[in-house]
Amino acid sequence: MPDDLNLSNLGPADRRRAPKRIGRGMGSGKGRYSGRGLKGQKARSGSHKMRAGFEGGQMPAYMRLGKQRGNTSKDAMPVGPFRTHSVPVNVRDLEARFEDGAEVTPEALVAAGVLKNTRTDVKILGQGELTKKLTVTAHRFSATAKSKIERAGGATISLRDDKAGSSHETGGEAEVSGGNGA
């Protein structure tokens, strides 16, 4: 830093440019129409407060284009009634947070700090390895997670019917499947 730089000689990096003084007579360079041109909507006061996408009363582009109707269409997602939200939990999280022989429920996942609350569905996914025998209760399971839990000697209890649902019972009963006759 230069030695002669101190608080008494600080200044802006660029000189400030004086604002345009519009409407101050013909000699100012911005007289007569004040830089707004001749007549029309944009020459009037308040004309620069139009909303974005306003086309002067002409039918706007977003209204001229075709729409995808219905709340179940792909373009309408995620508002459709068939949209489901679930929180993913991997088997590596179960391995790290639970002891051998533990019962894993959504409430236990909240207590262990894996989930924030039990308001959304839980889906167990198969990333990671599982060596502990756990009884896992969740809303859904991926095929990989189910096989890893059962291979470790645990059991899976599904709280919701799968959409494929060929082997699941209907009527709201939970399906229990386990390894080694459990």
C-alpha atoms as a PDB file:
ATOM      1  CA  MET A   1       0.000   0.000   0.000  1.00  0.00           C
ATOM      2  CA  PRO A   2       1.284   3.484  -0.716  1.00  0.00           C
ATOM      3  CA  ASP A   3       2.444   5.501   2.264  1.00  0.00           C
ATOM      4  CA  ASP A   4       0.472   8.585   1.294  1.00  0.00           C
ATOM      5  CA  LEU A   5      -2.913   6.784   1.550  1.00  0.00           C
ATOM      6  CA  ASN A   6      -4.776   7.785   4.695  1.00  0.00           C
ATOM      7  CA  LEU A   7      -8.237   8.833   5.829  1.00  0.00           C
ATOM      8  CA  SER A   8      -7.708  12.431   4.842  1.00  0.00           C
ATOM      9  CA  ASN A   9      -7.152  11.703   1.155  1.00  0.00           C
ATOM     10  CA  LEU A  10      -9.606   8.851   0.486  1.00  0.00           C
ATOM     11  CA  GLY A  11     -12.083   9.335  -2.354  1.00  0.00           C
ATOM     12  CA  PRO A  12     -14.273   7.354  -4.708  1.00  0.00           C
ATOM     13  CA  ALA A  13     -12.477   5.185  -7.273  1.00  0.00           C
ATOM     14  CA  ASP A  14     -14.352   6.867 -10.160  1.00  0.00           C
ATOM     15  CA  ARG A  15     -15.662  10.357 -10.203  1.00  0.00           C
ATOM     16  CA  ARG A  16     -19.385  10.614  -9.703  1.00  0.00           C
ATOM     17  CA  ARG A  17     -21.285  11.470 -12.822  1.00  0.00           C
ATOM     18  CA  ALA A  18     -23.792  14.254 -12.370  1.00  0.00           C
ATOM     19  CA  PRO A  19     -27.401  13.066 -12.838  1.00  0.00           C
ATOM     20  CA  LYS A  20     -29.208  14.028 -16.034  1.00  0.00           C
ATOM     21  CA  ARG A  21     -31.365  17.090 -15.379  1.00  0.00           C
ATOM     22  CA  ILE A  22     -34.283  16.337 -17.654  1.00  0.00           C
ATOM     23  CA  GLY A  23     -36.985  18.834 -18.515  1.00  0.00           C
ATOM     24  CA  ARG A  24     -34.846  21.887 -17.776  1.00  0.00           C
ATOM     25  CA  GLY A  25     -35.118  23.682 -21.072  1.00  0.00           C
ATOM     26  CA  MET A  26     -33.874  23.210 -24.595  1.00  0.00           C
ATOM     27  CA  GLY A  27     -30.308  24.182 -23.782  1.00  0.00           C
ATOM     28  CA  SER A  28     -29.856  21.290 -21.340  1.00  0.00           C
ATOM     29  CA  GLY A  29     -30.008  18.638 -24.065  1.00  0.00           C
ATOM     30  CA  LYS A  30     -32.949  16.961 -22.334  1.00  0.00           C
ATOM     31  CA  GLY A  31     -35.668  19.547 -22.878  1.00  0.00           C
ATOM     32  CA  ARG A  32     -39.014  19.444 -24.687  1.00  0.00           C
ATOM     33  CA  TYR A  33     -39.889  15.713 -24.390  1.00  0.00           C
ATOM     34  CA  SER A  34     -37.381  14.927 -21.604  1.00  0.00           C
ATOM     35  CA  GLY A  35     -35.932  11.884 -23.376  1.00  0.00           C
ATOM     36  CA  ARG A  36     -39.303  10.107 -23.647  1.00  0.00           C
ATOM     37  CA  GLY A  37     -39.872  10.640 -27.352  1.00  0.00           C
ATOM     38  CA  LEU A  38     -43.217  11.580 -28.850  1.00  0.00           C
ATOM     39  CA  LYS A  39     -46.612  10.639 -27.383  1.00  0.00           C
ATOM     40  CA  GLY A  40     -47.832   7.160 -26.505  1.00  0.00           C
ATOM     41  CA  GLN A  41     -48.141   5.175 -23.294  1.00  0.00           C
ATOM     42  CA  LYS A  42     -44.439   5.251 -22.484  1.00  0.00           C
ATOM     43  CA  ALA A  43     -44.369   9.048 -22.741  1.00  0.00           C
ATOM     44  CA  ARG A  44     -46.931   9.422 -19.945  1.00  0.00           C
ATOM     45  CA  SER A  45     -46.341   9.526 -16.212  1.00  0.00           C
ATOM     46  CA  GLY A  46     -46.610   6.214 -14.367  1.00  0.00           C
ATOM     47  CA  SER A  47     -45.874   4.301 -17.560  1.00  0.00           C
ATOM     48  CA  HIS A  48     -42.825   2.547 -16.133  1.00  0.00           C
ATOM     49  CA  LYS A  49     -44.784   0.823 -13.380  1.00  0.00           C
ATOM     50  CA  MET A  50     -46.265  -1.884 -15.607  1.00  0.00           C
ATOM     51  CA  ARG A  51     -45.950  -5.469 -14.410  1.00  0.00           C
ATOM     52  CA  ALA A  52     -43.473  -7.840 -15.998  1.00  0.00           C
ATOM     53  CA  GLY A  53     -44.873  -9.478 -19.124  1.00  0.00           C
ATOM     54  CA  PHE A  54     -47.408  -6.709 -19.787  1.00  0.00           C
ATOM     55  CA  GLU A  55     -47.867  -6.294 -23.530  1.00  0.00           C
ATOM     56  CA  GLY A  56     -49.934  -3.113 -23.639  1.00  0.00           C
ATOM     57  CA  GLY A  57     -53.295  -4.834 -23.410  1.00  0.00           C
ATOM     58  CA  GLN A  58     -52.495  -7.299 -26.187  1.00  0.00           C
ATOM     59  CA  MET A  59     -53.120 -10.926 -25.227  1.00  0.00           C
ATOM     60  CA  PRO A  60     -49.834 -11.876 -23.510  1.00  0.00           C
ATOM     61  CA  ALA A  61     -47.657 -14.726 -24.737  1.00  0.00           C
ATOM     62  CA  TYR A  62     -48.210 -16.894 -21.660  1.00  0.00           C
ATOM     63  CA  MET A  63     -51.967 -16.760 -22.296  1.00  0.00           C
ATOM     64  CA  ARG A  64     -51.666 -17.413 -26.032  1.00  0.00           C
ATOM     65  CA  LEU A  65     -49.818 -20.706 -25.518  1.00  0.00           C
ATOM     66  CA  GLY A  66     -51.629 -24.004 -25.001  1.00  0.00           C
ATOM     67  CA  LYS A  67     -52.096 -25.392 -21.507  1.00  0.00           C
ATOM     68  CA  GLN A  68     -51.766 -28.866 -20.082  1.00  0.00           C
ATOM     69  CA  ARG A  69     -55.116 -29.403 -18.414  1.00  0.00           C
ATOM     70  CA  GLY A  70     -55.803 -31.471 -15.340  1.00  0.00           C
ATOM     71  CA  ASN A  71     -53.934 -31.710 -12.071  1.00  0.00           C
ATOM     72  CA  THR A  72     -52.606 -35.197 -12.839  1.00  0.00           C
ATOM     73  CA  SER A  73     -50.693 -34.296 -15.978  1.00  0.00           C
ATOM     74  CA  LYS A  74     -46.917 -34.448 -15.961  1.00  0.00           C
ATOM     75  CA  ASP A  75     -46.636 -30.683 -16.444  1.00  0.00           C
ATOM     76  CA  ALA A  76     -48.942 -30.017 -13.483  1.00  0.00           C
ATOM     77  CA  MET A  77     -46.857 -31.977 -10.973  1.00  0.00           C
ATOM     78  CA  PRO A  78     -46.324 -31.844  -8.006  1.00  0.00           C
ATOM     79  CA  VAL A  79     -49.882 -30.726  -7.290  1.00  0.00           C
ATOM     80  CA  GLY A  80     -51.736 -33.813  -8.476  1.00  0.00           C
ATOM     81  CA  PRO A  81     -53.583 -36.076  -6.051  1.00  0.00           C
ATOM     82  CA  PHE A  82     -51.392 -39.053  -6.942  1.00  0.00           C
ATOM     83  CA  ARG A  83     -48.171 -37.311  -5.923  1.00  0.00           C
ATOM     84  CA  THR A  84     -46.577 -38.828  -2.840  1.00  0.00           C
ATOM     85  CA  HIS A  85     -43.843 -37.312  -0.748  1.00  0.00           C
ATOM     86  CA  SER A  86     -41.531 -39.524   1.240  1.00  0.00           C
ATOM     87  CA  VAL A  87     -38.303 -39.097   3.170  1.00  0.00           C
ATOM     88  CA  PRO A  88     -35.512 -41.431   2.040  1.00  0.00           C
ATOM     89  CA  VAL A  89     -33.536 -43.331   4.686  1.00  0.00           C
ATOM     90  CA  ASN A  90     -30.687 -45.634   3.616  1.00  0.00           C
ATOM     91  CA  VAL A  91     -29.749 -48.895   5.332  1.00  0.00           C
ATOM     92  CA  ARG A  92     -26.304 -47.412   6.089  1.00  0.00           C
ATOM     93  CA  ASP A  93     -28.109 -44.938   8.406  1.00  0.00           C
ATOM     94  CA  LEU A  94     -29.817 -47.835  10.186  1.00  0.00           C
ATOM     95  CA  GLU A  95     -26.451 -49.598  10.550  1.00  0.00           C
ATOM     96  CA  ALA A  96     -24.860 -46.501  12.103  1.00  0.00           C
ATOM     97  CA  ARG A  97     -27.673 -45.444  14.462  1.00  0.00           C
ATOM     98  CA  PHE A  98     -29.252 -48.669  15.798  1.00  0.00           C
ATOM     99  CA  GLU A  99     -28.009 -51.611  17.875  1.00  0.00           C
ATOM    100  CA  ASP A 100     -28.337 -55.259  16.867  1.00  0.00           C
ATOM    101  CA  GLY A 101     -31.878 -56.566  17.461  1.00  0.00           C
ATOM    102  CA  ALA A 102     -33.439 -53.105  17.688  1.00  0.00           C
ATOM    103  CA  GLU A 103     -36.911 -52.271  16.452  1.00  0.00           C
ATOM    104  CA  VAL A 104     -36.814 -49.417  13.926  1.00  0.00           C
ATOM    105  CA  THR A 105     -40.000 -47.355  13.573  1.00  0.00           C
ATOM    106  CA  PRO A 106     -40.582 -43.823  12.267  1.00  0.00           C
ATOM    107  CA  GLU A 107     -40.729 -42.632  15.887  1.00  0.00           C
ATOM    108  CA  ALA A 108     -37.390 -44.357  16.627  1.00  0.00           C
ATOM    109  CA  LEU A 109     -35.881 -42.693  13.543  1.00  0.00           C
ATOM    110  CA  VAL A 110     -36.941 -39.290  14.911  1.00  0.00           C
ATOM    111  CA  ALA A 111     -35.477 -40.136  18.325  1.00  0.00           C
ATOM    112  CA  ALA A 112     -32.196 -41.195  16.669  1.00  0.00           C
ATOM    113  CA  GLY A 113     -32.010 -37.919  14.725  1.00  0.00           C
ATOM    114  CA  VAL A 114     -32.431 -39.467  11.268  1.00  0.00           C
ATOM    115  CA  LEU A 115     -35.793 -37.747  10.641  1.00  0.00           C
ATOM    116  CA  LYS A 116     -37.135 -34.371  11.788  1.00  0.00           C
ATOM    117  CA  ASN A 117     -40.725 -35.533  12.317  1.00  0.00           C
ATOM    118  CA  THR A 118     -43.174 -38.297  11.443  1.00  0.00           C
ATOM    119  CA  ARG A 119     -45.521 -36.210   9.282  1.00  0.00           C
ATOM    120  CA  THR A 120     -44.183 -37.596   5.970  1.00  0.00           C
ATOM    121  CA  ASP A 121     -43.855 -41.171   4.796  1.00  0.00           C
ATOM    122  CA  VAL A 122     -40.537 -42.981   5.213  1.00  0.00           C
ATOM    123  CA  LYS A 123     -39.005 -45.060   2.434  1.00  0.00           C
ATOM    124  CA  ILE A 124     -36.055 -47.292   3.241  1.00  0.00           C
ATOM    125  CA  LEU A 125     -33.481 -47.377   0.445  1.00  0.00           C
ATOM    126  CA  GLY A 126     -30.650 -49.859  -0.053  1.00  0.00           C
ATOM    127  CA  GLN A 127     -27.499 -47.732  -0.115  1.00  0.00           C
ATOM    128  CA  GLY A 128     -24.772 -49.080   2.170  1.00  0.00           C
ATOM    129  CA  GLU A 129     -24.333 -52.378   3.983  1.00  0.00           C
ATOM    130  CA  LEU A 130     -26.328 -53.827   6.873  1.00  0.00           C
ATOM    131  CA  THR A 131     -24.890 -56.419   9.273  1.00  0.00           C
ATOM    132  CA  LYS A 132     -27.296 -56.023  12.227  1.00  0.00           C
ATOM    133  CA  LYS A 133     -30.546 -57.919  12.695  1.00  0.00           C
ATOM    134  CA  LEU A 134     -33.236 -55.211  12.739  1.00  0.00           C
ATOM    135  CA  THR A 135     -37.020 -55.200  12.635  1.00  0.00           C
ATOM    136  CA  VAL A 136     -37.776 -52.223  10.394  1.00  0.00           C
ATOM    137  CA  THR A 137     -41.233 -50.646  10.214  1.00  0.00           C
ATOM    138  CA  ALA A 138     -41.643 -48.063   7.421  1.00  0.00           C
ATOM    139  CA  HIS A 139     -44.152 -46.938   4.832  1.00  0.00           C
ATOM    140  CA  ARG A 140     -42.218 -48.289   1.843  1.00  0.00           C
ATOM    141  CA  PHE A 141     -39.090 -50.277   1.039  1.00  0.00           C
ATOM    142  CA  SER A 142     -36.988 -50.523  -2.083  1.00  0.00           C
ATOM    143  CA  ALA A 143     -36.332 -54.061  -3.289  1.00  0.00           C
ATOM    144  CA  THR A 144     -32.614 -53.723  -2.509  1.00  0.00           C
ATOM    145  CA  ALA A 145     -33.254 -52.489   1.035  1.00  0.00           C
ATOM    146  CA  LYS A 146     -35.757 -55.264   1.692  1.00  0.00           C
ATOM    147  CA  SER A 147     -33.321 -57.944   0.531  1.00  0.00           C
ATOM    148  CA  LYS A 148     -30.431 -56.479   2.581  1.00  0.00           C
ATOM    149  CA  ILE A 149     -32.524 -56.334   5.763  1.00  0.00           C
ATOM    150  CA  GLU A 150     -33.743 -59.897   5.300  1.00  0.00           C
ATOM    151  CA  ARG A 151     -30.248 -61.133   4.384  1.00  0.00           C
ATOM    152  CA  ALA A 152     -28.991 -59.737   7.709  1.00  0.00           C
ATOM    153  CA  GLY A 153     -31.679 -61.743   9.521  1.00  0.00           C
ATOM    154  CA  GLY A 154     -34.115 -58.893  10.112  1.00  0.00           C
ATOM    155  CA  ALA A 155     -37.731 -58.313   9.174  1.00  0.00           C
ATOM    156  CA  THR A 156     -39.587 -55.598   7.257  1.00  0.00           C
ATOM    157  CA  ILE A 157     -43.052 -54.304   8.123  1.00  0.00           C
ATOM    158  CA  SER A 158     -44.706 -52.161   5.442  1.00  0.00           C
ATOM    159  CA  LEU A 159     -47.214 -49.551   6.626  1.00  0.00           C
ATOM    160  CA  ARG A 160     -48.503 -48.828   3.093  1.00  0.00           C
ATOM    161  CA  ASP A 161     -49.392 -51.021   0.153  1.00  0.00           C
ATOM    162  CA  ASP A 162     -46.946 -50.737  -2.725  1.00  0.00           C
ATOM    163  CA  LYS A 163     -48.263 -49.431  -6.024  1.00  0.00           C
ATOM    164  CA  ALA A 164     -47.181 -52.631  -7.791  1.00  0.00           C
ATOM    165  CA  GLY A 165     -48.884 -54.392  -4.903  1.00  0.00           C
ATOM    166  CA  SER A 166     -49.370 -57.829  -6.483  1.00  0.00           C
ATOM    167  CA  SER A 167     -48.354 -59.814  -3.391  1.00  0.00           C
ATOM    168  CA  HIS A 168     -49.573 -57.393  -0.727  1.00  0.00           C
ATOM    169  CA  GLU A 169     -52.795 -57.805   1.168  1.00  0.00           C
ATOM    170  CA  THR A 170     -55.410 -55.100   0.968  1.00  0.00           C
ATOM    171  CA  GLY A 171     -57.649 -53.800   3.695  1.00  0.00           C
ATOM    172  CA  GLY A 172     -55.078 -51.736   5.598  1.00  0.00           C
ATOM    173  CA  GLU A 173     -53.213 -54.656   7.196  1.00  0.00           C
ATOM    174  CA  ALA A 174     -49.460 -54.300   7.385  1.00  0.00           C
ATOM    175  CA  GLU A 175     -47.411 -56.912   5.599  1.00  0.00           C
ATOM    176  CA  VAL A 176     -44.651 -58.571   7.576  1.00  0.00           C
ATOM    177  CA  SER A 177     -41.817 -60.405   5.906  1.00  0.00           C
ATOM    178  CA  GLY A 178     -38.712 -61.637   7.613  1.00  0.00           C
ATOM    179  CA  GLY A 179     -35.681 -63.770   7.121  1.00  0.00           C
ATOM    180  CA  ASN A 180     -34.947 -67.077   8.887  1.00  0.00           C
ATOM    181  CA  GLY A 181     -38.611 -67.741   9.664  1.00  0.00           C
ATOM    182  CA  ALA A 182     -39.090 -64.563  11.691  1.00  0.00           C
END
